[in-house]
Amino acid sequence: MTYQLQPSTEFSVFQFVTRLEDNASIPFDPANTDYQAYLAWLAEGNTPEPAPEPEPAPVLTTEQKLEAAGLTVTELRELLNLN
């Protein structure tokens, strides 16, 4: 067996590890038998793969940010009376 740690995120309340053989997500729950097997694997001296690095957030231009919000530069100028 091999495992990979998973990064915690601002949206994830639960921590978990992935079993790489079948891509199973194993929560850090003492009642979970897969988690117990993971702990036994650790106790044997094994080390999980590190968590993958998160993708960096894209750098958006002002126009792209406005488009994502459903606005154009022209519409924003009109809203702010900048015409």
PDB file of N, CA and C in Angstrom:
ATOM      1  N   MET A   1       0.832  -1.177   0.000  1.00  0.00           N
ATOM      2  CA  MET A   1       0.000   0.000   0.000  1.00  0.00           C
ATOM      3  C   MET A   1       0.881   1.247   0.000  1.00  0.00           C
ATOM      4  N   THR A   2       0.390   2.290  -0.643  1.00  0.00           N
ATOM      5  CA  THR A   2       1.005   3.610  -0.552  1.00  0.00           C
ATOM      6  C   THR A   2      -0.106   4.627  -0.356  1.00  0.00           C
ATOM      7  N   TYR A   3       0.231   5.682   0.341  1.00  0.00           N
ATOM      8  CA  TYR A   3      -0.740   6.714   0.684  1.00  0.00           C
ATOM      9  C   TYR A   3      -0.166   8.078   0.345  1.00  0.00           C
ATOM     10  N   GLN A   4      -1.061   9.040   0.172  1.00  0.00           N
ATOM     11  CA  GLN A   4      -0.653  10.420  -0.050  1.00  0.00           C
ATOM     12  C   GLN A   4      -1.493  11.320   0.841  1.00  0.00           C
ATOM     13  N   LEU A   5      -0.799  12.205   1.559  1.00  0.00           N
ATOM     14  CA  LEU A   5      -1.509  13.184   2.372  1.00  0.00           C
ATOM     15  C   LEU A   5      -2.267  14.133   1.460  1.00  0.00           C
ATOM     16  N   GLN A   6      -3.346  14.690   1.960  1.00  0.00           N
ATOM     17  CA  GLN A   6      -4.120  15.659   1.194  1.00  0.00           C
ATOM     18  C   GLN A   6      -4.073  17.007   1.908  1.00  0.00           C
ATOM     19  N   PRO A   7      -3.945  18.085   1.123  1.00  0.00           N
ATOM     20  CA  PRO A   7      -3.859  19.398   1.761  1.00  0.00           C
ATOM     21  C   PRO A   7      -5.182  19.789   2.389  1.00  0.00           C
ATOM     22  N   SER A   8      -5.112  20.474   3.504  1.00  0.00           N
ATOM     23  CA  SER A   8      -6.335  21.013   4.072  1.00  0.00           C
ATOM     24  C   SER A   8      -6.641  22.310   3.340  1.00  0.00           C
ATOM     25  N   THR A   9      -7.904  22.596   3.205  1.00  0.00           N
ATOM     26  CA  THR A   9      -8.324  23.806   2.498  1.00  0.00           C
ATOM     27  C   THR A   9      -9.261  24.600   3.386  1.00  0.00           C
ATOM     28  N   GLU A  10      -9.538  25.809   2.974  1.00  0.00           N
ATOM     29  CA  GLU A  10     -10.477  26.626   3.743  1.00  0.00           C
ATOM     30  C   GLU A  10     -11.888  26.065   3.682  1.00  0.00           C
ATOM     31  N   PHE A  11     -12.163  25.181   2.701  1.00  0.00           N
ATOM     32  CA  PHE A  11     -13.498  24.619   2.547  1.00  0.00           C
ATOM     33  C   PHE A  11     -13.613  23.228   3.149  1.00  0.00           C
ATOM     34  N   SER A  12     -12.496  22.605   3.508  1.00  0.00           N
ATOM     35  CA  SER A  12     -12.490  21.234   4.003  1.00  0.00           C
ATOM     36  C   SER A  12     -12.388  21.227   5.519  1.00  0.00           C
ATOM     37  N   VAL A  13     -13.384  20.636   6.156  1.00  0.00           N
ATOM     38  CA  VAL A  13     -13.383  20.518   7.603  1.00  0.00           C
ATOM     39  C   VAL A  13     -12.617  19.255   8.002  1.00  0.00           C
ATOM     40  N   PHE A  14     -12.682  18.234   7.149  1.00  0.00           N
ATOM     41  CA  PHE A  14     -12.094  16.944   7.462  1.00  0.00           C
ATOM     42  C   PHE A  14     -10.709  16.809   6.851  1.00  0.00           C
ATOM     43  N   GLN A  15      -9.811  16.165   7.583  1.00  0.00           N
ATOM     44  CA  GLN A  15      -8.510  15.817   7.040  1.00  0.00           C
ATOM     45  C   GLN A  15      -8.595  14.377   6.558  1.00  0.00           C
ATOM     46  N   PHE A  16      -7.858  14.092   5.482  1.00  0.00           N
ATOM     47  CA  PHE A  16      -7.878  12.731   4.977  1.00  0.00           C
ATOM     48  C   PHE A  16      -6.593  12.429   4.229  1.00  0.00           C
ATOM     49  N   VAL A  17      -6.433  11.150   3.931  1.00  0.00           N
ATOM     50  CA  VAL A  17      -5.297  10.656   3.183  1.00  0.00           C
ATOM     51  C   VAL A  17      -5.866   9.843   2.017  1.00  0.00           C
ATOM     52  N   THR A  18      -5.149   9.805   0.917  1.00  0.00           N
ATOM     53  CA  THR A  18      -5.587   9.025  -0.235  1.00  0.00           C
ATOM     54  C   THR A  18      -4.758   7.757  -0.334  1.00  0.00           C
ATOM     55  N   ARG A  19      -5.426   6.611  -0.475  1.00  0.00           N
ATOM     56  CA  ARG A  19      -4.746   5.344  -0.743  1.00  0.00           C
ATOM     57  C   ARG A  19      -4.548   5.290  -2.247  1.00  0.00           C
ATOM     58  N   LEU A  20      -3.308   5.320  -2.697  1.00  0.00           N
ATOM     59  CA  LEU A  20      -3.011   5.490  -4.116  1.00  0.00           C
ATOM     60  C   LEU A  20      -3.378   4.283  -4.976  1.00  0.00           C
ATOM     61  N   GLU A  21      -3.418   3.098  -4.417  1.00  0.00           N
ATOM     62  CA  GLU A  21      -3.753   1.909  -5.221  1.00  0.00           C
ATOM     63  C   GLU A  21      -5.149   1.984  -5.829  1.00  0.00           C
ATOM     64  N   ASP A  22      -6.096   2.539  -5.087  1.00  0.00           N
ATOM     65  CA  ASP A  22      -7.472   2.614  -5.590  1.00  0.00           C
ATOM     66  C   ASP A  22      -8.069   4.009  -5.501  1.00  0.00           C
ATOM     67  N   ASN A  23      -7.224   4.996  -5.154  1.00  0.00           N
ATOM     68  CA  ASN A  23      -7.641   6.397  -5.067  1.00  0.00           C
ATOM     69  C   ASN A  23      -8.740   6.624  -4.030  1.00  0.00           C
ATOM     70  N   ALA A  24      -8.771   5.769  -3.007  1.00  0.00           N
ATOM     71  CA  ALA A  24      -9.779   5.912  -1.952  1.00  0.00           C
ATOM     72  C   ALA A  24      -9.388   7.040  -1.003  1.00  0.00           C
ATOM     73  N   SER A  25     -10.358   7.874  -0.651  1.00  0.00           N
ATOM     74  CA  SER A  25     -10.150   8.935   0.327  1.00  0.00           C
ATOM     75  C   SER A  25     -10.484   8.377   1.701  1.00  0.00           C
ATOM     76  N   ILE A  26      -9.515   8.442   2.607  1.00  0.00           N
ATOM     77  CA  ILE A  26      -9.680   7.860   3.935  1.00  0.00           C
ATOM     78  C   ILE A  26      -9.675   8.988   4.957  1.00  0.00           C
ATOM     79  N   PRO A  27     -10.810   9.215   5.615  1.00  0.00           N
ATOM     80  CA  PRO A  27     -10.872  10.298   6.616  1.00  0.00           C
ATOM     81  C   PRO A  27     -10.097   9.915   7.867  1.00  0.00           C
ATOM     82  N   PHE A  28      -9.605  10.924   8.555  1.00  0.00           N
ATOM     83  CA  PHE A  28      -8.908  10.702   9.821  1.00  0.00           C
ATOM     84  C   PHE A  28      -9.968  10.470  10.898  1.00  0.00           C
ATOM     85  N   ASP A  29     -10.500   9.267  10.899  1.00  0.00           N
ATOM     86  CA  ASP A  29     -11.575   8.883  11.810  1.00  0.00           C
ATOM     87  C   ASP A  29     -11.179   7.567  12.476  1.00  0.00           C
ATOM     88  N   PRO A  30     -10.937   7.570  13.783  1.00  0.00           N
ATOM     89  CA  PRO A  30     -10.495   6.350  14.458  1.00  0.00           C
ATOM     90  C   PRO A  30     -11.440   5.157  14.279  1.00  0.00           C
ATOM     91  N   ALA A  31     -12.699   5.394  13.987  1.00  0.00           N
ATOM     92  CA  ALA A  31     -13.656   4.305  13.801  1.00  0.00           C
ATOM     93  C   ALA A  31     -13.567   3.689  12.397  1.00  0.00           C
ATOM     94  N   ASN A  32     -12.858   4.352  11.484  1.00  0.00           N
ATOM     95  CA  ASN A  32     -12.762   3.884  10.098  1.00  0.00           C
ATOM     96  C   ASN A  32     -11.683   2.803  10.000  1.00  0.00           C
ATOM     97  N   THR A  33     -12.045   1.625   9.485  1.00  0.00           N
ATOM     98  CA  THR A  33     -11.075   0.523   9.407  1.00  0.00           C
ATOM     99  C   THR A  33      -9.945   0.820   8.427  1.00  0.00           C
ATOM    100  N   ASP A  34     -10.216   1.573   7.373  1.00  0.00           N
ATOM    101  CA  ASP A  34      -9.148   1.949   6.444  1.00  0.00           C
ATOM    102  C   ASP A  34      -8.163   2.900   7.126  1.00  0.00           C
ATOM    103  N   TYR A  35      -8.672   3.775   7.986  1.00  0.00           N
ATOM    104  CA  TYR A  35      -7.796   4.676   8.732  1.00  0.00           C
ATOM    105  C   TYR A  35      -6.951   3.874   9.724  1.00  0.00           C
ATOM    106  N   GLN A  36      -7.541   2.873  10.358  1.00  0.00           N
ATOM    107  CA  GLN A  36      -6.789   2.017  11.270  1.00  0.00           C
ATOM    108  C   GLN A  36      -5.662   1.302  10.525  1.00  0.00           C
ATOM    109  N   ALA A  37      -5.948   0.837   9.287  1.00  0.00           N
ATOM    110  CA  ALA A  37      -4.914   0.190   8.472  1.00  0.00           C
ATOM    111  C   ALA A  37      -3.817   1.187   8.113  1.00  0.00           C
ATOM    112  N   TYR A  38      -4.191   2.426   7.843  1.00  0.00           N
ATOM    113  CA  TYR A  38      -3.210   3.473   7.546  1.00  0.00           C
ATOM    114  C   TYR A  38      -2.312   3.717   8.758  1.00  0.00           C
ATOM    115  N   LEU A  39      -2.910   3.796   9.954  1.00  0.00           N
ATOM    116  CA  LEU A  39      -2.122   4.005  11.170  1.00  0.00           C
ATOM    117  C   LEU A  39      -1.153   2.844  11.399  1.00  0.00           C
ATOM    118  N   ALA A  40      -1.598   1.613  11.129  1.00  0.00           N
ATOM    119  CA  ALA A  40      -0.719   0.445  11.267  1.00  0.00           C
ATOM    120  C   ALA A  40       0.424   0.528  10.262  1.00  0.00           C
ATOM    121  N   TRP A  41       0.117   0.967   9.056  1.00  0.00           N
ATOM    122  CA  TRP A  41       1.130   1.146   8.002  1.00  0.00           C
ATOM    123  C   TRP A  41       2.170   2.177   8.448  1.00  0.00           C
ATOM    124  N   LEU A  42       1.709   3.276   9.048  1.00  0.00           N
ATOM    125  CA  LEU A  42       2.628   4.285   9.589  1.00  0.00           C
ATOM    126  C   LEU A  42       3.494   3.695  10.701  1.00  0.00           C
ATOM    127  N   ALA A  43       2.867   2.895  11.578  1.00  0.00           N
ATOM    128  CA  ALA A  43       3.585   2.310  12.715  1.00  0.00           C
ATOM    129  C   ALA A  43       4.693   1.365  12.252  1.00  0.00           C
ATOM    130  N   GLU A  44       4.560   0.814  11.048  1.00  0.00           N
ATOM    131  CA  GLU A  44       5.588  -0.069  10.477  1.00  0.00           C
ATOM    132  C   GLU A  44       6.777   0.722   9.941  1.00  0.00           C
ATOM    133  N   GLY A  45       6.709   2.053  10.032  1.00  0.00           N
ATOM    134  CA  GLY A  45       7.823   2.890   9.591  1.00  0.00           C
ATOM    135  C   GLY A  45       7.658   3.473   8.199  1.00  0.00           C
ATOM    136  N   ASN A  46       6.481   3.320   7.617  1.00  0.00           N
ATOM    137  CA  ASN A  46       6.235   3.859   6.278  1.00  0.00           C
ATOM    138  C   ASN A  46       5.937   5.352   6.347  1.00  0.00           C
ATOM    139  N   THR A  47       6.143   6.016   5.221  1.00  0.00           N
ATOM    140  CA  THR A  47       5.912   7.456   5.123  1.00  0.00           C
ATOM    141  C   THR A  47       5.013   7.739   3.924  1.00  0.00           C
ATOM    142  N   PRO A  48       3.937   8.506   4.124  1.00  0.00           N
ATOM    143  CA  PRO A  48       3.067   8.828   2.992  1.00  0.00           C
ATOM    144  C   PRO A  48       3.719   9.839   2.059  1.00  0.00           C
ATOM    145  N   GLU A  49       3.252   9.850   0.816  1.00  0.00           N
ATOM    146  CA  GLU A  49       3.680  10.866  -0.139  1.00  0.00           C
ATOM    147  C   GLU A  49       3.195  12.226   0.374  1.00  0.00           C
ATOM    148  N   PRO A  50       3.965  13.280   0.135  1.00  0.00           N
ATOM    149  CA  PRO A  50       3.506  14.600   0.598  1.00  0.00           C
ATOM    150  C   PRO A  50       2.264  15.049  -0.170  1.00  0.00           C
ATOM    151  N   ALA A  51       1.560  15.975   0.415  1.00  0.00           N
ATOM    152  CA  ALA A  51       0.368  16.532  -0.237  1.00  0.00           C
ATOM    153  C   ALA A  51       0.783  17.279  -1.497  1.00  0.00           C
ATOM    154  N   PRO A  52      -0.036  17.176  -2.558  1.00  0.00           N
ATOM    155  CA  PRO A  52       0.290  17.925  -3.771  1.00  0.00           C
ATOM    156  C   PRO A  52       0.195  19.426  -3.520  1.00  0.00           C
ATOM    157  N   GLU A  53       1.025  20.169  -4.222  1.00  0.00           N
ATOM    158  CA  GLU A  53       0.977  21.630  -4.118  1.00  0.00           C
ATOM    159  C   GLU A  53      -0.292  22.129  -4.802  1.00  0.00           C
ATOM    160  N   PRO A  54      -1.013  23.049  -4.167  1.00  0.00           N
ATOM    161  CA  PRO A  54      -2.223  23.575  -4.816  1.00  0.00           C
ATOM    162  C   PRO A  54      -1.858  24.429  -6.034  1.00  0.00           C
ATOM    163  N   GLU A  55      -2.760  24.441  -6.991  1.00  0.00           N
ATOM    164  CA  GLU A  55      -2.580  25.271  -8.179  1.00  0.00           C
ATOM    165  C   GLU A  55      -2.631  26.739  -7.761  1.00  0.00           C
ATOM    166  N   PRO A  56      -1.730  27.557  -8.270  1.00  0.00           N
ATOM    167  CA  PRO A  56      -1.811  28.980  -7.926  1.00  0.00           C
ATOM    168  C   PRO A  56      -3.053  29.609  -8.562  1.00  0.00           C
ATOM    169  N   ALA A  57      -3.604  30.573  -7.889  1.00  0.00           N
ATOM    170  CA  ALA A  57      -4.774  31.276  -8.421  1.00  0.00           C
ATOM    171  C   ALA A  57      -4.365  32.058  -9.660  1.00  0.00           C
ATOM    172  N   PRO A  58      -5.194  32.032 -10.692  1.00  0.00           N
ATOM    173  CA  PRO A  58      -4.840  32.775 -11.898  1.00  0.00           C
ATOM    174  C   PRO A  58      -4.848  34.284 -11.641  1.00  0.00           C
ATOM    175  N   VAL A  59      -3.970  34.974 -12.326  1.00  0.00           N
ATOM    176  CA  VAL A  59      -3.923  36.432 -12.234  1.00  0.00           C
ATOM    177  C   VAL A  59      -4.822  36.965 -13.341  1.00  0.00           C
ATOM    178  N   LEU A  60      -5.883  37.647 -12.947  1.00  0.00           N
ATOM    179  CA  LEU A  60      -6.856  38.149 -13.907  1.00  0.00           C
ATOM    180  C   LEU A  60      -6.669  39.645 -14.132  1.00  0.00           C
ATOM    181  N   THR A  61      -6.919  40.057 -15.356  1.00  0.00           N
ATOM    182  CA  THR A  61      -6.918  41.478 -15.664  1.00  0.00           C
ATOM    183  C   THR A  61      -8.205  42.097 -15.125  1.00  0.00           C
ATOM    184  N   THR A  62      -8.247  43.404 -15.070  1.00  0.00           N
ATOM    185  CA  THR A  62      -9.458  44.092 -14.621  1.00  0.00           C
ATOM    186  C   THR A  62     -10.644  43.708 -15.494  1.00  0.00           C
ATOM    187  N   GLU A  63     -10.422  43.641 -16.796  1.00  0.00           N
ATOM    188  CA  GLU A  63     -11.500  43.279 -17.717  1.00  0.00           C
ATOM    189  C   GLU A  63     -12.005  41.861 -17.439  1.00  0.00           C
ATOM    190  N   GLN A  64     -11.088  40.926 -17.146  1.00  0.00           N
ATOM    191  CA  GLN A  64     -11.496  39.557 -16.864  1.00  0.00           C
ATOM    192  C   GLN A  64     -12.291  39.476 -15.566  1.00  0.00           C
ATOM    193  N   LYS A  65     -11.886  40.259 -14.563  1.00  0.00           N
ATOM    194  CA  LYS A  65     -12.621  40.283 -13.299  1.00  0.00           C
ATOM    195  C   LYS A  65     -14.023  40.834 -13.503  1.00  0.00           C
ATOM    196  N   LEU A  66     -14.126  41.899 -14.283  1.00  0.00           N
ATOM    197  CA  LEU A  66     -15.445  42.473 -14.564  1.00  0.00           C
ATOM    198  C   LEU A  66     -16.310  41.493 -15.339  1.00  0.00           C
ATOM    199  N   GLU A  67     -15.707  40.810 -16.312  1.00  0.00           N
ATOM    200  CA  GLU A  67     -16.453  39.829 -17.103  1.00  0.00           C
ATOM    201  C   GLU A  67     -16.962  38.702 -16.209  1.00  0.00           C
ATOM    202  N   ALA A  68     -16.130  38.252 -15.273  1.00  0.00           N
ATOM    203  CA  ALA A  68     -16.547  37.203 -14.352  1.00  0.00           C
ATOM    204  C   ALA A  68     -17.711  37.668 -13.487  1.00  0.00           C
ATOM    205  N   ALA A  69     -17.783  38.978 -13.219  1.00  0.00           N
ATOM    206  CA  ALA A  69     -18.876  39.543 -12.436  1.00  0.00           C
ATOM    207  C   ALA A  69     -20.081  39.891 -13.312  1.00  0.00           C
ATOM    208  N   GLY A  70     -19.960  39.654 -14.611  1.00  0.00           N
ATOM    209  CA  GLY A  70     -21.068  39.935 -15.518  1.00  0.00           C
ATOM    210  C   GLY A  70     -21.136  41.376 -15.967  1.00  0.00           C
ATOM    211  N   LEU A  71     -20.024  42.109 -15.924  1.00  0.00           N
ATOM    212  CA  LEU A  71     -19.979  43.515 -16.325  1.00  0.00           C
ATOM    213  C   LEU A  71     -18.920  43.721 -17.407  1.00  0.00           C
ATOM    214  N   THR A  72     -19.077  44.803 -18.119  1.00  0.00           N
ATOM    215  CA  THR A  72     -18.037  45.246 -19.038  1.00  0.00           C
ATOM    216  C   THR A  72     -17.498  46.573 -18.510  1.00  0.00           C
ATOM    217  N   VAL A  73     -16.374  46.998 -19.044  1.00  0.00           N
ATOM    218  CA  VAL A  73     -15.810  48.281 -18.639  1.00  0.00           C
ATOM    219  C   VAL A  73     -16.809  49.387 -18.936  1.00  0.00           C
ATOM    220  N   THR A  74     -17.460  49.317 -20.083  1.00  0.00           N
ATOM    221  CA  THR A  74     -18.450  50.332 -20.463  1.00  0.00           C
ATOM    222  C   THR A  74     -19.596  50.373 -19.463  1.00  0.00           C
ATOM    223  N   GLU A  75     -20.106  49.209 -19.074  1.00  0.00           N
ATOM    224  CA  GLU A  75     -21.197  49.163 -18.106  1.00  0.00           C
ATOM    225  C   GLU A  75     -20.772  49.724 -16.751  1.00  0.00           C
ATOM    226  N   LEU A  76     -19.566  49.403 -16.326  1.00  0.00           N
ATOM    227  CA  LEU A  76     -19.081  49.929 -15.061  1.00  0.00           C
ATOM    228  C   LEU A  76     -18.952  51.444 -15.110  1.00  0.00           C
ATOM    229  N   ARG A  77     -18.439  51.964 -16.215  1.00  0.00           N
ATOM    230  CA  ARG A  77     -18.333  53.425 -16.361  1.00  0.00           C
ATOM    231  C   ARG A  77     -19.717  54.073 -16.277  1.00  0.00           C
ATOM    232  N   GLU A  78     -20.694  53.446 -16.916  1.00  0.00           N
ATOM    233  CA  GLU A  78     -22.061  53.978 -16.869  1.00  0.00           C
ATOM    234  C   GLU A  78     -22.610  53.931 -15.437  1.00  0.00           C
ATOM    235  N   LEU A  79     -22.363  52.833 -14.732  1.00  0.00           N
ATOM    236  CA  LEU A  79     -22.845  52.713 -13.354  1.00  0.00           C
ATOM    237  C   LEU A  79     -22.241  53.777 -12.445  1.00  0.00           C
ATOM    238  N   LEU A  80     -20.990  54.128 -12.703  1.00  0.00           N
ATOM    239  CA  LEU A  80     -20.295  55.102 -11.868  1.00  0.00           C
ATOM    240  C   LEU A  80     -20.369  56.521 -12.422  1.00  0.00           C
ATOM    241  N   ASN A  81     -21.150  56.679 -13.491  1.00  0.00           N
ATOM    242  CA  ASN A  81     -21.303  57.983 -14.154  1.00  0.00           C
ATOM    243  C   ASN A  81     -19.937  58.568 -14.547  1.00  0.00           C
ATOM    244  N   LEU A  82     -19.092  57.751 -15.151  1.00  0.00           N
ATOM    245  CA  LEU A  82     -17.769  58.192 -15.569  1.00  0.00           C
ATOM    246  C   LEU A  82     -17.690  58.460 -17.082  1.00  0.00           C
ATOM    247  N   ASN A  83     -18.804  58.530 -17.741  1.00  0.00           N
ATOM    248  CA  ASN A  83     -18.796  58.771 -19.201  1.00  0.00           C
ATOM    249  C   ASN A  83     -18.705  60.234 -19.528  1.00  0.00           C
TER     250      ASN A  83
END
